[in-house]
C-alpha atoms as a PDB file:
ATOM      1  CA  MET A   1      10.734 -13.440  25.520  1.00  0.00           C
ATOM      2  CA  THR A   2       8.203 -15.427  23.421  1.00  0.00           C
ATOM      3  CA  LEU A   3       5.655 -12.530  23.707  1.00  0.00           C
ATOM      4  CA  PHE A   4       8.108  -9.888  22.464  1.00  0.00           C
ATOM      5  CA  LEU A   5       9.219 -12.136  19.621  1.00  0.00           C
ATOM      6  CA  ASN A   6       5.611 -12.669  18.554  1.00  0.00           C
ATOM      7  CA  ILE A   7       5.038  -8.902  18.643  1.00  0.00           C
ATOM      8  CA  ALA A   8       8.235  -8.296  16.592  1.00  0.00           C
ATOM      9  CA  VAL A   9       7.490 -10.894  13.880  1.00  0.00           C
ATOM     10  CA  ASP A  10       3.795 -10.125  13.557  1.00  0.00           C
ATOM     11  CA  GLY A  11       4.326  -6.362  13.848  1.00  0.00           C
ATOM     12  CA  ILE A  12       7.125  -6.248  11.165  1.00  0.00           C
ATOM     13  CA  ALA A  13       5.068  -8.401   8.805  1.00  0.00           C
ATOM     14  CA  TYR A  14       2.032  -6.194   9.336  1.00  0.00           C
ATOM     15  CA  GLY A  15       4.190  -3.119   8.787  1.00  0.00           C
ATOM     16  CA  MET A  16       5.524  -4.528   5.493  1.00  0.00           C
ATOM     17  CA  ILE A  17       1.981  -5.026   4.248  1.00  0.00           C
ATOM     18  CA  LEU A  18       1.090  -1.471   5.195  1.00  0.00           C
ATOM     19  CA  PHE A  19       4.193  -0.183   3.440  1.00  0.00           C
ATOM     20  CA  MET A  20       3.592  -2.060   0.175  1.00  0.00           C
ATOM     21  CA  ILE A  21       0.002  -0.836  -0.009  1.00  0.00           C
ATOM     22  CA  SER A  22       0.730   2.739   1.202  1.00  0.00           C
ATOM     23  CA  VAL A  23       3.874   3.553  -0.724  1.00  0.00           C
ATOM     24  CA  GLY A  24       1.921   4.158  -3.915  1.00  0.00           C
ATOM     25  CA  LEU A  25      -0.353   6.556  -1.990  1.00  0.00           C
ATOM     26  CA  SER A  26       2.716   8.378  -0.793  1.00  0.00           C
ATOM     27  CA  ILE A  27       3.936   8.688  -4.424  1.00  0.00           C
ATOM     28  CA  THR A  28       0.602  10.038  -5.673  1.00  0.00           C
ATOM     29  CA  MET A  29      -0.096  12.331  -2.728  1.00  0.00           C
ATOM     30  CA  GLY A  30       3.465  13.501  -2.007  1.00  0.00           C
ATOM     31  CA  LEU A  31       5.140  13.476  -5.431  1.00  0.00           C
ATOM     32  CA  MET A  32       2.235  13.836  -7.842  1.00  0.00           C
ATOM     33  CA  ARG A  33       0.188  16.106  -5.499  1.00  0.00           C
ATOM     34  CA  VAL A  34      -3.010  14.121  -5.845  1.00  0.00           C
ATOM     35  CA  VAL A  35      -5.365  13.204  -2.931  1.00  0.00           C
ATOM     36  CA  ASN A  36      -6.126   9.670  -4.120  1.00  0.00           C
ATOM     37  CA  LEU A  37      -8.557   8.024  -1.655  1.00  0.00           C
ATOM     38  CA  ALA A  38      -9.209   5.287  -4.241  1.00  0.00           C
ATOM     39  CA  HIS A  39      -5.698   3.822  -3.792  1.00  0.00           C
ATOM     40  CA  GLY A  40      -6.848   1.023  -1.486  1.00  0.00           C
ATOM     41  CA  GLY A  41      -9.143  -0.098  -4.336  1.00  0.00           C
ATOM     42  CA  PHE A  42      -6.090  -1.391  -6.199  1.00  0.00           C
ATOM     43  CA  ALA A  43      -5.215  -3.632  -3.234  1.00  0.00           C
ATOM     44  CA  LEU A  44      -8.836  -4.880  -3.430  1.00  0.00           C
ATOM     45  CA  LEU A  45      -8.589  -5.551  -7.161  1.00  0.00           C
ATOM     46  CA  GLY A  46      -5.263  -7.415  -6.758  1.00  0.00           C
ATOM     47  CA  GLY A  47      -6.745  -9.536  -3.951  1.00  0.00           C
ATOM     48  CA  THR A  48      -9.908 -10.182  -5.912  1.00  0.00           C
ATOM     49  CA  PHE A  49      -8.132 -11.265  -9.067  1.00  0.00           C
ATOM     50  CA  ALA A  50      -5.827 -13.529  -6.999  1.00  0.00           C
ATOM     51  CA  HIS A  51      -8.856 -15.068  -5.284  1.00  0.00           C
ATOM     52  CA  TRP A  52     -10.592 -15.721  -8.622  1.00  0.00           C
ATOM     53  CA  LEU A  53      -7.502 -17.310 -10.123  1.00  0.00           C
ATOM     54  CA  ALA A  54      -6.325 -19.393  -7.154  1.00  0.00           C
ATOM     55  CA  GLN A  55      -9.599 -20.166  -5.332  1.00  0.00           C
ATOM     56  CA  GLU A  56     -12.059 -20.496  -8.163  1.00  0.00           C
ATOM     57  CA  ASN A  57      -9.819 -21.686 -10.966  1.00  0.00           C
ATOM     58  CA  GLY A  58      -7.222 -23.707  -9.072  1.00  0.00           C
ATOM     59  CA  MET A  59      -4.147 -21.763 -10.249  1.00  0.00           C
ATOM     60  CA  PRO A  60      -1.090 -22.140  -7.970  1.00  0.00           C
ATOM     61  CA  PHE A  61      -0.566 -19.167  -5.582  1.00  0.00           C
ATOM     62  CA  TRP A  62       2.563 -17.553  -7.026  1.00  0.00           C
ATOM     63  CA  PRO A  63       1.426 -17.562 -10.700  1.00  0.00           C
ATOM     64  CA  ALA A  64      -1.948 -16.207  -9.548  1.00  0.00           C
ATOM     65  CA  ALA A  65      -0.303 -13.486  -7.522  1.00  0.00           C
ATOM     66  CA  VAL A  66       1.953 -12.397 -10.367  1.00  0.00           C
ATOM     67  CA  ILE A  67      -0.895 -12.366 -12.920  1.00  0.00           C
ATOM     68  CA  ALA A  68      -3.208 -10.535 -10.471  1.00  0.00           C
ATOM     69  CA  VAL A  69      -0.569  -7.765  -9.936  1.00  0.00           C
ATOM     70  CA  LEU A  70       0.006  -7.414 -13.652  1.00  0.00           C
ATOM     71  CA  VAL A  71      -3.753  -7.261 -14.414  1.00  0.00           C
ATOM     72  CA  THR A  72      -4.172  -4.586 -11.663  1.00  0.00           C
ATOM     73  CA  VAL A  73      -1.386  -2.530 -13.252  1.00  0.00           C
ATOM     74  CA  ILE A  74      -2.976  -2.893 -16.670  1.00  0.00           C
ATOM     75  CA  VAL A  75      -6.360  -1.803 -15.276  1.00  0.00           C
ATOM     76  CA  SER A  76      -4.777   1.201 -13.515  1.00  0.00           C
ATOM     77  CA  LEU A  77      -3.107   2.633 -16.631  1.00  0.00           C
ATOM     78  CA  PRO A  78      -6.255   3.521 -18.575  1.00  0.00           C
ATOM     79  CA  LEU A  79      -7.803   4.814 -15.276  1.00  0.00           C
ATOM     80  CA  GLU A  80      -4.903   7.167 -14.917  1.00  0.00           C
ATOM     81  CA  ARG A  81      -4.985   8.301 -18.502  1.00  0.00           C
ATOM     82  CA  VAL A  82      -8.755   8.760 -18.717  1.00  0.00           C
ATOM     83  CA  ILE A  83      -9.823   9.741 -15.243  1.00  0.00           C
ATOM     84  CA  PHE A  84      -6.939  10.668 -12.941  1.00  0.00           C
ATOM     85  CA  ARG A  85      -5.251  12.849 -15.514  1.00  0.00           C
ATOM     86  CA  ARG A  86      -8.246  15.162 -15.229  1.00  0.00           C
ATOM     87  CA  ILE A  87      -8.372  14.853 -11.441  1.00  0.00           C
ATOM     88  CA  TYR A  88      -4.748  16.181 -11.168  1.00  0.00           C
ATOM     89  CA  ASP A  89      -6.057  19.663 -11.970  1.00  0.00           C
ATOM     90  CA  PHE A  90      -8.930  19.516  -9.449  1.00  0.00           C
ATOM     91  CA  GLY A  91      -8.889  21.311  -6.119  1.00  0.00           C
ATOM     92  CA  ASP A  92      -8.272  19.266  -2.968  1.00  0.00           C
ATOM     93  CA  LEU A  93     -12.003  18.904  -2.087  1.00  0.00           C
ATOM     94  CA  GLN A  94     -12.884  17.928  -5.679  1.00  0.00           C
ATOM     95  CA  GLN A  95     -10.039  15.367  -5.678  1.00  0.00           C
ATOM     96  CA  VAL A  96     -11.407  13.828  -2.434  1.00  0.00           C
ATOM     97  CA  LEU A  97     -14.951  13.639  -3.814  1.00  0.00           C
ATOM     98  CA  ALA A  98     -13.881  12.249  -7.161  1.00  0.00           C
ATOM     99  CA  THR A  99     -11.559   9.555  -5.699  1.00  0.00           C
ATOM    100  CA  ILE A 100     -14.174   8.531  -3.097  1.00  0.00           C
ATOM    101  CA  GLY A 101     -16.577   8.067  -5.936  1.00  0.00           C
ATOM    102  CA  LEU A 102     -14.050   5.854  -7.729  1.00  0.00           C
ATOM    103  CA  THR A 103     -13.591   3.886  -4.486  1.00  0.00           C
ATOM    104  CA  PHE A 104     -17.306   3.051  -4.310  1.00  0.00           C
ATOM    105  CA  LEU A 105     -17.287   2.234  -8.039  1.00  0.00           C
ATOM    106  CA  MET A 106     -14.607  -0.360  -7.375  1.00  0.00           C
ATOM    107  CA  ILE A 107     -16.470  -1.673  -4.354  1.00  0.00           C
ATOM    108  CA  ALA A 108     -19.666  -1.983  -6.349  1.00  0.00           C
ATOM    109  CA  SER A 109     -17.859  -3.762  -9.192  1.00  0.00           C
ATOM    110  CA  VAL A 110     -16.276  -6.346  -6.890  1.00  0.00           C
ATOM    111  CA  ASN A 111     -19.539  -6.746  -5.021  1.00  0.00           C
ATOM    112  CA  LEU A 112     -21.334  -7.435  -8.278  1.00  0.00           C
ATOM    113  CA  TRP A 113     -18.675  -9.926  -9.372  1.00  0.00           C
ATOM    114  CA  GLN A 114     -17.785 -11.776  -6.211  1.00  0.00           C
ATOM    115  CA  GLY A 115     -20.382 -10.672  -3.639  1.00  0.00           C
ATOM    116  CA  SER A 116     -19.687  -9.168  -0.254  1.00  0.00           C
ATOM    117  CA  SER A 117     -18.293 -12.286   1.419  1.00  0.00           C
ATOM    118  CA  LEU A 118     -14.679 -12.808   2.441  1.00  0.00           C
ATOM    119  CA  LEU A 119     -12.373 -13.462  -0.524  1.00  0.00           C
ATOM    120  CA  SER A 120      -9.833 -16.018   0.625  1.00  0.00           C
ATOM    121  CA  ILE A 121      -6.550 -16.629  -1.274  1.00  0.00           C
ATOM    122  CA  PRO A 122      -5.354 -20.214  -0.541  1.00  0.00           C
ATOM    123  CA  LEU A 123      -1.709 -20.319   0.419  1.00  0.00           C
ATOM    124  CA  PRO A 124       0.596 -23.067  -0.877  1.00  0.00           C
ATOM    125  CA  ASP A 125       1.770 -25.668   1.654  1.00  0.00           C
ATOM    126  CA  SER A 126       5.248 -24.075   1.524  1.00  0.00           C
ATOM    127  CA  LEU A 127       3.854 -20.868   3.032  1.00  0.00           C
ATOM    128  CA  LYS A 128       1.774 -22.651   5.692  1.00  0.00           C
ATOM    129  CA  GLN A 129       4.841 -24.283   7.306  1.00  0.00           C
ATOM    130  CA  SER A 130       6.962 -22.948  10.130  1.00  0.00           C
ATOM    131  CA  VAL A 131      10.685 -22.511  10.531  1.00  0.00           C
ATOM    132  CA  ASP A 132      12.114 -23.951  13.791  1.00  0.00           C
ATOM    133  CA  LEU A 133      14.681 -21.699  15.328  1.00  0.00           C
ATOM    134  CA  GLY A 134      15.222 -24.050  18.293  1.00  0.00           C
ATOM    135  CA  PHE A 135      13.656 -21.707  20.860  1.00  0.00           C
ATOM    136  CA  ARG A 136      10.716 -20.607  18.630  1.00  0.00           C
ATOM    137  CA  THR A 137       8.969 -21.494  15.445  1.00  0.00           C
ATOM    138  CA  LEU A 138       8.147 -18.739  12.980  1.00  0.00           C
ATOM    139  CA  PRO A 139       5.469 -18.922  10.208  1.00  0.00           C
ATOM    140  CA  VAL A 140       7.022 -19.046   6.769  1.00  0.00           C
ATOM    141  CA  HIS A 141       4.306 -16.749   5.421  1.00  0.00           C
ATOM    142  CA  ARG A 142       5.314 -13.962   7.837  1.00  0.00           C
ATOM    143  CA  LEU A 143       8.980 -14.378   6.941  1.00  0.00           C
ATOM    144  CA  VAL A 144       8.208 -14.215   3.216  1.00  0.00           C
ATOM    145  CA  VAL A 145       6.110 -11.028   3.742  1.00  0.00           C
ATOM    146  CA  ILE A 146       9.020  -9.446   5.618  1.00  0.00           C
ATOM    147  CA  ALA A 147      11.505 -10.419   2.924  1.00  0.00           C
ATOM    148  CA  VAL A 148       9.325  -9.035   0.128  1.00  0.00           C
ATOM    149  CA  GLY A 149       8.837  -5.875   2.067  1.00  0.00           C
ATOM    150  CA  PHE A 150      12.633  -5.313   2.467  1.00  0.00           C
ATOM    151  CA  ALA A 151      13.119  -6.158  -1.213  1.00  0.00           C
ATOM    152  CA  SER A 152      10.385  -3.589  -2.162  1.00  0.00           C
ATOM    153  CA  ILE A 153      12.038  -0.704  -0.234  1.00  0.00           C
ATOM    154  CA  LEU A 154      15.386  -1.572  -1.740  1.00  0.00           C
ATOM    155  CA  GLY A 155      13.952  -1.816  -5.291  1.00  0.00           C
ATOM    156  CA  LEU A 156      12.077   1.463  -4.935  1.00  0.00           C
ATOM    157  CA  TRP A 157      15.142   3.299  -3.582  1.00  0.00           C
ATOM    158  CA  LEU A 158      17.186   2.095  -6.556  1.00  0.00           C
ATOM    159  CA  LEU A 159      14.420   2.952  -9.016  1.00  0.00           C
ATOM    160  CA  LEU A 160      13.689   6.423  -7.747  1.00  0.00           C
ATOM    161  CA  ASP A 161      17.196   7.508  -6.700  1.00  0.00           C
ATOM    162  CA  LYS A 162      19.496   5.727  -9.063  1.00  0.00           C
ATOM    163  CA  THR A 163      17.733   5.550 -12.459  1.00  0.00           C
ATOM    164  CA  LEU A 164      16.809   7.951 -15.201  1.00  0.00           C
ATOM    165  CA  PHE A 165      13.139   7.278 -14.454  1.00  0.00           C
ATOM    166  CA  GLY A 166      13.477   8.518 -10.930  1.00  0.00           C
ATOM    167  CA  ILE A 167      15.363  11.666 -12.061  1.00  0.00           C
ATOM    168  CA  ARG A 168      12.705  12.388 -14.625  1.00  0.00           C
ATOM    169  CA  LEU A 169       9.883  11.800 -12.152  1.00  0.00           C
ATOM    170  CA  ARG A 170      11.367  14.263  -9.664  1.00  0.00           C
ATOM    171  CA  ALA A 171      11.905  16.797 -12.468  1.00  0.00           C
ATOM    172  CA  ALA A 172       8.251  16.381 -13.631  1.00  0.00           C
ATOM    173  CA  VAL A 173       7.021  16.845 -10.091  1.00  0.00           C
ATOM    174  CA  ASP A 174       9.139  19.984  -9.405  1.00  0.00           C
ATOM    175  CA  ASN A 175       8.111  21.743 -12.614  1.00  0.00           C
ATOM    176  CA  ARG A 176       6.083  19.870 -15.104  1.00  0.00           C
ATOM    177  CA  SER A 177       6.151  22.532 -17.839  1.00  0.00           C
ATOM    178  CA  THR A 178       9.914  22.920 -17.653  1.00  0.00           C
ATOM    179  CA  ALA A 179      10.372  19.150 -17.703  1.00  0.00           C
ATOM    180  CA  SER A 180       8.163  18.908 -20.778  1.00  0.00           C
ATOM    181  CA  ALA A 181      10.159  21.712 -22.457  1.00  0.00           C
ATOM    182  CA  LEU A 182      13.305  19.690 -21.845  1.00  0.00           C
ATOM    183  CA  GLY A 183      11.827  16.760 -23.741  1.00  0.00           C
ATOM    184  CA  ILE A 184      10.600  14.631 -20.776  1.00  0.00           C
ATOM    185  CA  ASP A 185       7.347  12.786 -21.550  1.00  0.00           C
ATOM    186  CA  THR A 186       5.657  13.831 -18.273  1.00  0.00           C
ATOM    187  CA  ASP A 187       2.391  12.121 -19.237  1.00  0.00           C
ATOM    188  CA  TRP A 188       4.197   8.740 -19.552  1.00  0.00           C
ATOM    189  CA  ILE A 189       6.194   9.360 -16.380  1.00  0.00           C
ATOM    190  CA  PHE A 190       3.051  10.105 -14.308  1.00  0.00           C
ATOM    191  CA  MET A 191       1.265   7.098 -15.747  1.00  0.00           C
ATOM    192  CA  ALA A 192       4.194   4.764 -15.031  1.00  0.00           C
ATOM    193  CA  ALA A 193       4.502   6.061 -11.433  1.00  0.00           C
ATOM    194  CA  PHE A 194       0.727   5.590 -10.958  1.00  0.00           C
ATOM    195  CA  GLY A 195       0.898   1.995 -12.353  1.00  0.00           C
ATOM    196  CA  LEU A 196       3.858   1.287 -10.078  1.00  0.00           C
ATOM    197  CA  GLY A 197       1.914   2.353  -7.031  1.00  0.00           C
ATOM    198  CA  ALA A 198      -1.095   0.346  -8.078  1.00  0.00           C
ATOM    199  CA  GLY A 199       1.089  -2.763  -8.598  1.00  0.00           C
ATOM    200  CA  PHE A 200       2.564  -2.437  -5.095  1.00  0.00           C
ATOM    201  CA  ALA A 201      -0.905  -1.994  -3.626  1.00  0.00           C
ATOM    202  CA  ALA A 202      -2.071  -5.182  -5.407  1.00  0.00           C
ATOM    203  CA  LEU A 203       0.974  -7.044  -4.120  1.00  0.00           C
ATOM    204  CA  GLY A 204       0.341  -5.895  -0.564  1.00  0.00           C
ATOM    205  CA  GLY A 205      -3.301  -6.813  -0.790  1.00  0.00           C
ATOM    206  CA  ILE A 206      -2.447 -10.349  -1.950  1.00  0.00           C
ATOM    207  CA  LEU A 207       0.386 -11.096   0.454  1.00  0.00           C
ATOM    208  CA  GLY A 208      -1.490  -9.433   3.330  1.00  0.00           C
ATOM    209  CA  ALA A 209      -4.820 -11.262   2.825  1.00  0.00           C
ATOM    210  CA  GLU A 210      -4.024 -13.376   5.923  1.00  0.00           C
ATOM    211  CA  ILE A 211      -3.474 -10.215   7.968  1.00  0.00           C
ATOM    212  CA  LEU A 212      -5.933  -7.710   6.330  1.00  0.00           C
ATOM    213  CA  PRO A 213      -8.718  -9.903   4.972  1.00  0.00           C
ATOM    214  CA  ILE A 214     -10.039  -9.105   1.539  1.00  0.00           C
ATOM    215  CA  ASP A 215     -13.682  -8.306   0.902  1.00  0.00           C
ATOM    216  CA  ALA A 216     -15.583  -5.817  -1.247  1.00  0.00           C
ATOM    217  CA  TYR A 217     -15.427  -3.075   1.409  1.00  0.00           C
ATOM    218  CA  TYR A 218     -11.655  -3.400   1.902  1.00  0.00           C
ATOM    219  CA  PRO A 219     -10.750   0.122   0.577  1.00  0.00           C
ATOM    220  CA  VAL A 220     -13.155   1.818   3.002  1.00  0.00           C
ATOM    221  CA  ARG A 221     -12.242  -0.324   5.997  1.00  0.00           C
ATOM    222  CA  TYR A 222      -8.512   0.368   5.753  1.00  0.00           C
ATOM    223  CA  MET A 223      -8.518   3.803   4.030  1.00  0.00           C
ATOM    224  CA  VAL A 224      -7.689   5.681   7.293  1.00  0.00           C
ATOM    225  CA  LEU A 225      -4.873   3.257   8.137  1.00  0.00           C
ATOM    226  CA  PHE A 226      -3.196   3.834   4.719  1.00  0.00           C
ATOM    227  CA  LEU A 227      -3.578   7.568   5.090  1.00  0.00           C
ATOM    228  CA  ILE A 228      -2.031   7.480   8.572  1.00  0.00           C
ATOM    229  CA  VAL A 229       1.068   5.694   7.169  1.00  0.00           C
ATOM    230  CA  VAL A 230       1.525   8.482   4.615  1.00  0.00           C
ATOM    231  CA  ALA A 231       0.874  11.279   7.079  1.00  0.00           C
ATOM    232  CA  VAL A 232       3.199   9.883   9.772  1.00  0.00           C
ATOM    233  CA  GLY A 233       5.992   9.075   7.315  1.00  0.00           C
ATOM    234  CA  GLY A 234       5.757  12.406   5.473  1.00  0.00           C
ATOM    235  CA  MET A 235       4.035  12.778   2.061  1.00  0.00           C
ATOM    236  CA  GLY A 236       6.318  11.866  -0.818  1.00  0.00           C
ATOM    237  CA  SER A 237       8.994  10.263   1.364  1.00  0.00           C
ATOM    238  CA  ILE A 238       9.480   6.573   0.508  1.00  0.00           C
ATOM    239  CA  ALA A 239      11.837   6.120   3.445  1.00  0.00           C
ATOM    240  CA  GLY A 240       9.394   7.879   5.723  1.00  0.00           C
ATOM    241  CA  SER A 241       6.496   5.610   4.600  1.00  0.00           C
ATOM    242  CA  PHE A 242       8.677   2.584   5.311  1.00  0.00           C
ATOM    243  CA  ILE A 243       9.675   3.736   8.795  1.00  0.00           C
ATOM    244  CA  ALA A 244       6.099   4.809   9.557  1.00  0.00           C
ATOM    245  CA  ALA A 245       4.563   1.492   8.335  1.00  0.00           C
ATOM    246  CA  LEU A 246       7.097  -0.514  10.301  1.00  0.00           C
ATOM    247  CA  GLY A 247       6.587   1.545  13.418  1.00  0.00           C
ATOM    248  CA  LEU A 248       2.817   1.625  13.166  1.00  0.00           C
ATOM    249  CA  GLY A 249       2.712  -2.118  12.484  1.00  0.00           C
ATOM    250  CA  LEU A 250       4.712  -2.804  15.611  1.00  0.00           C
ATOM    251  CA  LEU A 251       2.687  -0.264  17.571  1.00  0.00           C
ATOM    252  CA  GLU A 252      -0.698  -1.688  16.656  1.00  0.00           C
ATOM    253  CA  THR A 253       0.459  -5.259  17.144  1.00  0.00           C
ATOM    254  CA  ALA A 254       1.881  -4.404  20.528  1.00  0.00           C
ATOM    255  CA  THR A 255      -1.323  -2.746  21.664  1.00  0.00           C
ATOM    256  CA  ARG A 256      -3.360  -5.807  20.527  1.00  0.00           C
ATOM    257  CA  TYR A 257      -1.132  -8.096  22.536  1.00  0.00           C
ATOM    258  CA  LEU A 258      -0.599  -5.951  25.631  1.00  0.00           C
ATOM    259  CA  VAL A 259      -3.811  -3.982  26.012  1.00  0.00           C
ATOM    260  CA  PRO A 260      -6.344  -5.768  23.850  1.00  0.00           C
ATOM    261  CA  ASP A 261      -9.386  -4.176  25.444  1.00  0.00           C
ATOM    262  CA  VAL A 262      -8.285  -0.633  24.532  1.00  0.00           C
ATOM    263  CA  SER A 263      -5.885  -1.380  21.671  1.00  0.00           C
ATOM    264  CA  THR A 264      -7.735   0.784  19.097  1.00  0.00           C
ATOM    265  CA  ILE A 265      -7.972   3.735  21.495  1.00  0.00           C
ATOM    266  CA  ALA A 266      -4.272   3.420  22.464  1.00  0.00           C
ATOM    267  CA  PHE A 267      -3.139   3.140  18.825  1.00  0.00           C
ATOM    268  CA  TYR A 268      -4.994   6.203  17.559  1.00  0.00           C
ATOM    269  CA  ALA A 269      -4.205   8.237  20.627  1.00  0.00           C
ATOM    270  CA  LEU A 270      -0.472   7.624  20.064  1.00  0.00           C
ATOM    271  CA  VAL A 271      -0.835   8.471  16.355  1.00  0.00           C
ATOM    272  CA  ILE A 272      -2.500  11.800  17.246  1.00  0.00           C
ATOM    273  CA  ILE A 273       0.240  12.646  19.679  1.00  0.00           C
ATOM    274  CA  LEU A 274       2.891  11.869  17.090  1.00  0.00           C
ATOM    275  CA  LEU A 275       1.227  14.007  14.439  1.00  0.00           C
ATOM    276  CA  ALA A 276       0.815  16.807  16.923  1.00  0.00           C
ATOM    277  CA  MET A 277       4.518  16.710  17.571  1.00  0.00           C
ATOM    278  CA  ARG A 278       5.494  16.262  13.880  1.00  0.00           C
ATOM    279  CA  PRO A 279       2.668  17.525  11.727  1.00  0.00           C
ATOM    280  CA  GLN A 280       4.841  17.250   8.615  1.00  0.00           C
ATOM    281  CA  GLY A 281       5.560  13.601   9.332  1.00  0.00           C
ATOM    282  CA  LEU A 282       8.774  11.867  10.343  1.00  0.00           C
ATOM    283  CA  LEU A 283      10.709  12.631   7.163  1.00  0.00           C
ATOM    284  CA  GLY A 284       8.455  15.316   5.622  1.00  0.00           C
ATOM    285  CA  ARG A 285       9.498  18.942   5.199  1.00  0.00           C
ATOM    286  CA  ALA A 286       8.109  21.520   7.612  1.00  0.00           C
ATOM    287  CA  HIS A 287       6.089  24.241   5.860  1.00  0.00           C
ATOM    288  CA  ALA A 288       7.530  27.715   6.214  1.00  0.00           C
END
């Protein structure tokens, strides 16, 4: 019983981190049609800013986290306007090469600023405690991560399905020229969506630093994992990314607990089988 509870709590928390980081990648790849392999770099930037504020300057965790997310969003907006807006018109291979180049640019910048060592983000005492359920104690940090993850999926659903912004984003994606002719500022819509994805990546990087440690090579180390979430969920599907992240988080955690010697092999083998059965992803549309 204790083993399965550990797998459930750790797996769901891990899945929530994967979702927060990967959902922006799902938006850019599925909705905006951009292969953005630099997306994990925004999680790195968020974690690095939070480390600098909290660890090196003594700022409390939550203010440091909020400021780090905001700074990451602010950094992402001119990047979208100056660089990514040109990448949108590239072919797939050119997009891959350009965004990989941006990834290494981010890595080199963080490496120059903070070095290649682990960038810890000190948690407040409130997040280091545990909640006693009588039969089991659960880490508060894991519970907060899970709560923020559920709040994120709810907030994104409301934003993209129930607001004018979401309607305009879908219109811009379906036919950008028609949307522009109808008076929709598609440039602003794309930039806002890009900044939103970068902000969620930063939030996931900060909250998940205890699970996915931050260092300069973070975007390269976890790039495949983030892409798997998008592929398994179905590109452009927020709900699909959520289900995939949750399922993959539980799957990888279970393999680490149950078959630690072959956990990586078991995890990727199961992912390959799943993608072979559903190449369009869980909630993606099959190509005619």
